[in-house]
Amino acid sequence: MSFVEWVAVVALVGGALFTLLAAVGVVRMPNVYARLSTTSKAAPFGIGLVLLGAALYARDGGFAVIAAAAAVFLALTSPIAAHALARAVRRASDDDRV
């Protein structure tokens, strides 16, 4: 195994662990806001590591560009989606109190 393949394997395993950590956080966290925190932080980082590992293992320039574009898209949209969900939950809980 070459050095690049070892780095790819480490990135893939690390990404899988971060994604697993996000999934466990969704189950174990006590409220919606804590669940959103785990998914908006750990999941994009884990998926980004998986994409990095896949791009390194494939050794294809076209695939690397697509993986980088997917990682950037995920990094840009994950906080926006978490904010929109948190705002919707807050508005729904405010409506219940009235």
Protein backbone atom coordinates (compact mmCIF):
# COMPACT_ATOMS: atom_id res chain seq x y z
CA MET A 1 0.00 0.00 0.00
CA SER A 2 1.31 3.43 -0.90
CA PHE A 3 1.35 6.48 1.36
CA VAL A 4 -1.56 8.07 -0.50
CA GLU A 5 -3.67 4.95 0.00
CA TRP A 6 -2.89 4.99 3.74
CA VAL A 7 -3.94 8.63 3.97
CA ALA A 8 -7.12 7.77 2.06
CA VAL A 9 -7.92 4.93 4.45
CA VAL A 10 -7.31 7.15 7.49
CA ALA A 11 -9.58 9.84 6.01
CA LEU A 12 -12.30 7.29 5.24
CA VAL A 13 -12.19 5.78 8.72
CA GLY A 14 -12.08 9.20 10.37
CA GLY A 15 -15.01 10.36 8.28
CA ALA A 16 -16.99 7.27 9.16
CA LEU A 17 -16.29 7.84 12.87
CA PHE A 18 -17.36 11.50 12.72
CA THR A 19 -20.53 10.54 10.87
CA LEU A 20 -21.23 7.85 13.46
CA LEU A 21 -20.65 10.43 16.19
CA ALA A 22 -23.22 12.71 14.57
CA ALA A 23 -25.73 9.87 14.38
CA VAL A 24 -25.20 8.97 18.03
CA GLY A 25 -25.59 12.65 18.92
CA VAL A 26 -28.97 12.76 17.21
CA VAL A 27 -30.15 9.85 19.33
CA ARG A 28 -28.56 10.84 22.64
CA MET A 29 -29.01 14.62 22.80
CA PRO A 30 -31.88 15.85 24.98
CA ASN A 31 -33.46 18.56 22.82
CA VAL A 32 -33.82 19.72 19.23
CA TYR A 33 -31.18 22.45 19.46
CA ALA A 34 -28.50 20.08 20.74
CA ARG A 35 -29.38 17.58 18.02
CA LEU A 36 -29.05 20.30 15.39
CA SER A 37 -25.67 21.22 16.81
CA THR A 38 -24.31 17.70 16.44
CA THR A 39 -25.61 17.23 12.93
CA SER A 40 -24.57 20.65 11.66
CA LYS A 41 -20.99 20.25 12.88
CA ALA A 42 -19.95 16.60 12.93
CA ALA A 43 -21.79 15.30 9.88
CA PRO A 44 -20.38 17.73 7.26
CA PHE A 45 -16.87 17.22 8.62
CA GLY A 46 -17.28 13.45 8.49
CA ILE A 47 -18.73 13.47 5.00
CA GLY A 48 -15.97 15.84 3.90
CA LEU A 49 -13.37 13.39 5.17
CA VAL A 50 -15.10 10.53 3.36
CA LEU A 51 -15.10 12.54 0.14
CA LEU A 52 -11.42 13.39 0.63
CA GLY A 53 -10.55 9.76 1.20
CA ALA A 54 -12.54 8.64 -1.82
CA ALA A 55 -10.89 11.28 -4.02
CA LEU A 56 -7.42 10.26 -2.85
CA TYR A 57 -8.13 6.57 -3.33
CA ALA A 58 -9.63 7.06 -6.81
CA ARG A 59 -6.66 9.13 -8.04
CA ASP A 60 -8.84 10.66 -10.72
CA GLY A 61 -8.77 14.41 -11.28
CA GLY A 62 -12.37 14.60 -12.45
CA PHE A 63 -13.63 12.72 -9.43
CA ALA A 64 -11.54 14.91 -7.13
CA VAL A 65 -13.15 18.05 -8.58
CA ILE A 66 -16.63 16.61 -8.10
CA ALA A 67 -15.81 15.52 -4.54
CA ALA A 68 -14.39 18.98 -3.73
CA ALA A 69 -17.48 20.65 -5.17
CA ALA A 70 -19.73 18.39 -3.08
CA ALA A 71 -17.71 19.13 0.07
CA VAL A 72 -17.89 22.89 -0.53
CA PHE A 73 -21.62 22.69 -1.22
CA LEU A 74 -22.15 20.72 1.98
CA ALA A 75 -20.00 23.12 4.02
CA LEU A 76 -22.00 26.08 2.72
CA THR A 77 -25.49 24.63 3.05
CA SER A 78 -25.26 22.74 6.34
CA PRO A 79 -25.21 25.82 8.62
CA ILE A 80 -27.98 27.45 6.60
CA ALA A 81 -30.16 24.37 6.88
CA ALA A 82 -29.51 24.08 10.62
CA HIS A 83 -30.41 27.73 11.11
CA ALA A 84 -33.63 27.34 9.12
CA LEU A 85 -34.62 24.26 11.12
CA ALA A 86 -33.85 25.95 14.45
CA ARG A 87 -35.86 28.99 13.44
CA ALA A 88 -38.81 26.81 12.40
CA VAL A 89 -38.68 24.93 15.72
CA ARG A 90 -38.57 28.19 17.65
CA ARG A 91 -41.48 29.63 15.74
CA ALA A 92 -43.50 26.45 16.22
CA SER A 93 -42.80 26.44 19.95
CA ASP A 94 -43.75 30.14 20.20
CA ASP A 95 -47.08 29.39 18.50
CA ASP A 96 -47.81 26.63 21.02
CA ARG A 97 -47.41 28.97 23.98
CA VAL A 98 -50.01 31.49 22.76
